[in-house]
Amino acid sequence: MSNLTSFDRMITPAMIKIIFWIGVVASYYVGDHSPCLS
């Protein structure tokens, strides 16, 4: 179980960064290509 816990601790910050950057890039492209939506 210790290995699973350390793996979860490693992947959680990575997933947070990935989700954060997907949101930033998505909002940038939506605002850039479709100004009428924002």
PDB file of N, CA and C in Angstrom:
ATOM      1  N   MET A   1       0.830  -1.205   0.000  1.00  0.00           N
ATOM      2  CA  MET A   1       0.000   0.000   0.000  1.00  0.00           C
ATOM      3  C   MET A   1       0.874   1.268   0.000  1.00  0.00           C
ATOM      4  N   SER A   2       2.093   1.143   0.520  1.00  0.00           N
ATOM      5  CA  SER A   2       2.979   2.306   0.576  1.00  0.00           C
ATOM      6  C   SER A   2       3.332   2.780  -0.826  1.00  0.00           C
ATOM      7  N   ASN A   3       3.531   1.844  -1.755  1.00  0.00           N
ATOM      8  CA  ASN A   3       3.861   2.218  -3.129  1.00  0.00           C
ATOM      9  C   ASN A   3       2.704   2.966  -3.774  1.00  0.00           C
ATOM     10  N   LEU A   4       1.482   2.527  -3.518  1.00  0.00           N
ATOM     11  CA  LEU A   4       0.308   3.180  -4.090  1.00  0.00           C
ATOM     12  C   LEU A   4       0.190   4.611  -3.562  1.00  0.00           C
ATOM     13  N   THR A   5       0.486   4.794  -2.281  1.00  0.00           N
ATOM     14  CA  THR A   5       0.394   6.125  -1.686  1.00  0.00           C
ATOM     15  C   THR A   5       1.424   7.066  -2.296  1.00  0.00           C
ATOM     16  N   SER A   6       2.665   6.600  -2.457  1.00  0.00           N
ATOM     17  CA  SER A   6       3.707   7.454  -3.031  1.00  0.00           C
ATOM     18  C   SER A   6       3.401   7.760  -4.490  1.00  0.00           C
ATOM     19  N   PHE A   7       2.842   6.782  -5.206  1.00  0.00           N
ATOM     20  CA  PHE A   7       2.461   7.013  -6.603  1.00  0.00           C
ATOM     21  C   PHE A   7       1.360   8.056  -6.678  1.00  0.00           C
ATOM     22  N   ASP A   8       0.397   7.988  -5.773  1.00  0.00           N
ATOM     23  CA  ASP A   8      -0.700   8.955  -5.743  1.00  0.00           C
ATOM     24  C   ASP A   8      -0.165  10.346  -5.413  1.00  0.00           C
ATOM     25  N   ARG A   9       0.809  10.423  -4.520  1.00  0.00           N
ATOM     26  CA  ARG A   9       1.394  11.723  -4.174  1.00  0.00           C
ATOM     27  C   ARG A   9       2.155  12.305  -5.352  1.00  0.00           C
ATOM     28  N   MET A  10       2.757  11.454  -6.174  1.00  0.00           N
ATOM     29  CA  MET A  10       3.508  11.933  -7.331  1.00  0.00           C
ATOM     30  C   MET A  10       2.577  12.410  -8.437  1.00  0.00           C
ATOM     31  N   ILE A  11       1.489  11.674  -8.680  1.00  0.00           N
ATOM     32  CA  ILE A  11       0.652  11.961  -9.849  1.00  0.00           C
ATOM     33  C   ILE A  11      -0.348  13.087  -9.583  1.00  0.00           C
ATOM     34  N   THR A  12      -0.703  13.316  -8.339  1.00  0.00           N
ATOM     35  CA  THR A  12      -1.701  14.345  -8.052  1.00  0.00           C
ATOM     36  C   THR A  12      -1.243  15.748  -8.467  1.00  0.00           C
ATOM     37  N   PRO A  13      -0.036  16.214  -8.105  1.00  0.00           N
ATOM     38  CA  PRO A  13       0.405  17.542  -8.553  1.00  0.00           C
ATOM     39  C   PRO A  13       0.520  17.625 -10.065  1.00  0.00           C
ATOM     40  N   ALA A  14       0.934  16.529 -10.702  1.00  0.00           N
ATOM     41  CA  ALA A  14       1.046  16.522 -12.162  1.00  0.00           C
ATOM     42  C   ALA A  14      -0.325  16.682 -12.798  1.00  0.00           C
ATOM     43  N   MET A  15      -1.321  15.985 -12.273  1.00  0.00           N
ATOM     44  CA  MET A  15      -2.677  16.086 -12.823  1.00  0.00           C
ATOM     45  C   MET A  15      -3.234  17.490 -12.606  1.00  0.00           C
ATOM     46  N   ILE A  16      -2.943  18.090 -11.464  1.00  0.00           N
ATOM     47  CA  ILE A  16      -3.412  19.454 -11.196  1.00  0.00           C
ATOM     48  C   ILE A  16      -2.808  20.423 -12.204  1.00  0.00           C
ATOM     49  N   LYS A  17      -1.499  20.272 -12.481  1.00  0.00           N
ATOM     50  CA  LYS A  17      -0.847  21.154 -13.455  1.00  0.00           C
ATOM     51  C   LYS A  17      -1.419  20.941 -14.844  1.00  0.00           C
ATOM     52  N   ILE A  18      -1.664  19.669 -15.220  1.00  0.00           N
ATOM     53  CA  ILE A  18      -2.208  19.372 -16.551  1.00  0.00           C
ATOM     54  C   ILE A  18      -3.599  19.979 -16.695  1.00  0.00           C
ATOM     55  N   ILE A  19      -4.457  19.788 -15.693  1.00  0.00           N
ATOM     56  CA  ILE A  19      -5.816  20.336 -15.749  1.00  0.00           C
ATOM     57  C   ILE A  19      -5.765  21.864 -15.792  1.00  0.00           C
ATOM     58  N   PHE A  20      -4.861  22.462 -15.007  1.00  0.00           N
ATOM     59  CA  PHE A  20      -4.732  23.918 -14.980  1.00  0.00           C
ATOM     60  C   PHE A  20      -4.329  24.454 -16.345  1.00  0.00           C
ATOM     61  N   TRP A  21      -3.312  23.842 -16.978  1.00  0.00           N
ATOM     62  CA  TRP A  21      -2.842  24.337 -18.270  1.00  0.00           C
ATOM     63  C   TRP A  21      -3.850  24.070 -19.368  1.00  0.00           C
ATOM     64  N   ILE A  22      -4.598  22.948 -19.288  1.00  0.00           N
ATOM     65  CA  ILE A  22      -5.660  22.708 -20.277  1.00  0.00           C
ATOM     66  C   ILE A  22      -6.704  23.822 -20.181  1.00  0.00           C
ATOM     67  N   GLY A  23      -7.061  24.218 -18.968  1.00  0.00           N
ATOM     68  CA  GLY A  23      -8.025  25.299 -18.789  1.00  0.00           C
ATOM     69  C   GLY A  23      -7.498  26.625 -19.310  1.00  0.00           C
ATOM     70  N   VAL A  24      -6.212  26.914 -19.063  1.00  0.00           N
ATOM     71  CA  VAL A  24      -5.619  28.167 -19.544  1.00  0.00           C
ATOM     72  C   VAL A  24      -5.586  28.196 -21.063  1.00  0.00           C
ATOM     73  N   VAL A  25      -5.113  27.108 -21.673  1.00  0.00           N
ATOM     74  CA  VAL A  25      -5.017  27.048 -23.138  1.00  0.00           C
ATOM     75  C   VAL A  25      -6.407  27.081 -23.763  1.00  0.00           C
ATOM     76  N   ALA A  26      -7.361  26.357 -23.173  1.00  0.00           N
ATOM     77  CA  ALA A  26      -8.717  26.331 -23.720  1.00  0.00           C
ATOM     78  C   ALA A  26      -9.348  27.723 -23.654  1.00  0.00           C
ATOM     79  N   SER A  27      -9.208  28.408 -22.533  1.00  0.00           N
ATOM     80  CA  SER A  27      -9.784  29.754 -22.410  1.00  0.00           C
ATOM     81  C   SER A  27      -9.092  30.727 -23.359  1.00  0.00           C
ATOM     82  N   TYR A  28      -7.789  30.532 -23.585  1.00  0.00           N
ATOM     83  CA  TYR A  28      -7.064  31.402 -24.524  1.00  0.00           C
ATOM     84  C   TYR A  28      -7.585  31.208 -25.942  1.00  0.00           C
ATOM     85  N   TYR A  29      -7.724  29.942 -26.354  1.00  0.00           N
ATOM     86  CA  TYR A  29      -8.179  29.684 -27.723  1.00  0.00           C
ATOM     87  C   TYR A  29      -9.634  30.107 -27.914  1.00  0.00           C
ATOM     88  N   VAL A  30     -10.477  29.893 -26.915  1.00  0.00           N
ATOM     89  CA  VAL A  30     -11.878  30.305 -27.023  1.00  0.00           C
ATOM     90  C   VAL A  30     -11.959  31.827 -27.128  1.00  0.00           C
ATOM     91  N   GLY A  31     -11.188  32.528 -26.312  1.00  0.00           N
ATOM     92  CA  GLY A  31     -11.203  33.987 -26.349  1.00  0.00           C
ATOM     93  C   GLY A  31     -10.578  34.530 -27.627  1.00  0.00           C
ATOM     94  N   ASP A  32      -9.582  33.815 -28.172  1.00  0.00           N
ATOM     95  CA  ASP A  32      -8.866  34.306 -29.349  1.00  0.00           C
ATOM     96  C   ASP A  32      -9.653  34.051 -30.627  1.00  0.00           C
ATOM     97  N   HIS A  33     -10.256  32.872 -30.744  1.00  0.00           N
ATOM     98  CA  HIS A  33     -10.925  32.491 -31.986  1.00  0.00           C
ATOM     99  C   HIS A  33     -12.419  32.813 -31.980  1.00  0.00           C
ATOM    100  N   SER A  34     -13.008  32.935 -30.784  1.00  0.00           N
ATOM    101  CA  SER A  34     -14.442  33.212 -30.710  1.00  0.00           C
ATOM    102  C   SER A  34     -14.713  34.326 -29.698  1.00  0.00           C
ATOM    103  N   PRO A  35     -14.420  35.569 -30.046  1.00  0.00           N
ATOM    104  CA  PRO A  35     -14.598  36.673 -29.094  1.00  0.00           C
ATOM    105  C   PRO A  35     -16.058  36.867 -28.682  1.00  0.00           C
ATOM    106  N   CYS A  36     -16.999  36.478 -29.554  1.00  0.00           N
ATOM    107  CA  CYS A  36     -18.409  36.711 -29.265  1.00  0.00           C
ATOM    108  C   CYS A  36     -18.904  35.813 -28.129  1.00  0.00           C
ATOM    109  N   LEU A  37     -18.178  34.715 -27.822  1.00  0.00           N
ATOM    110  CA  LEU A  37     -18.602  33.840 -26.739  1.00  0.00           C
ATOM    111  C   LEU A  37     -18.201  34.401 -25.378  1.00  0.00           C
ATOM    112  N   SER A  38     -17.136  35.206 -25.331  1.00  0.00           N
ATOM    113  CA  SER A  38     -16.648  35.691 -24.047  1.00  0.00           C
ATOM    114  C   SER A  38     -17.020  37.149 -23.791  1.00  0.00           C
TER     115      SER A  38
END
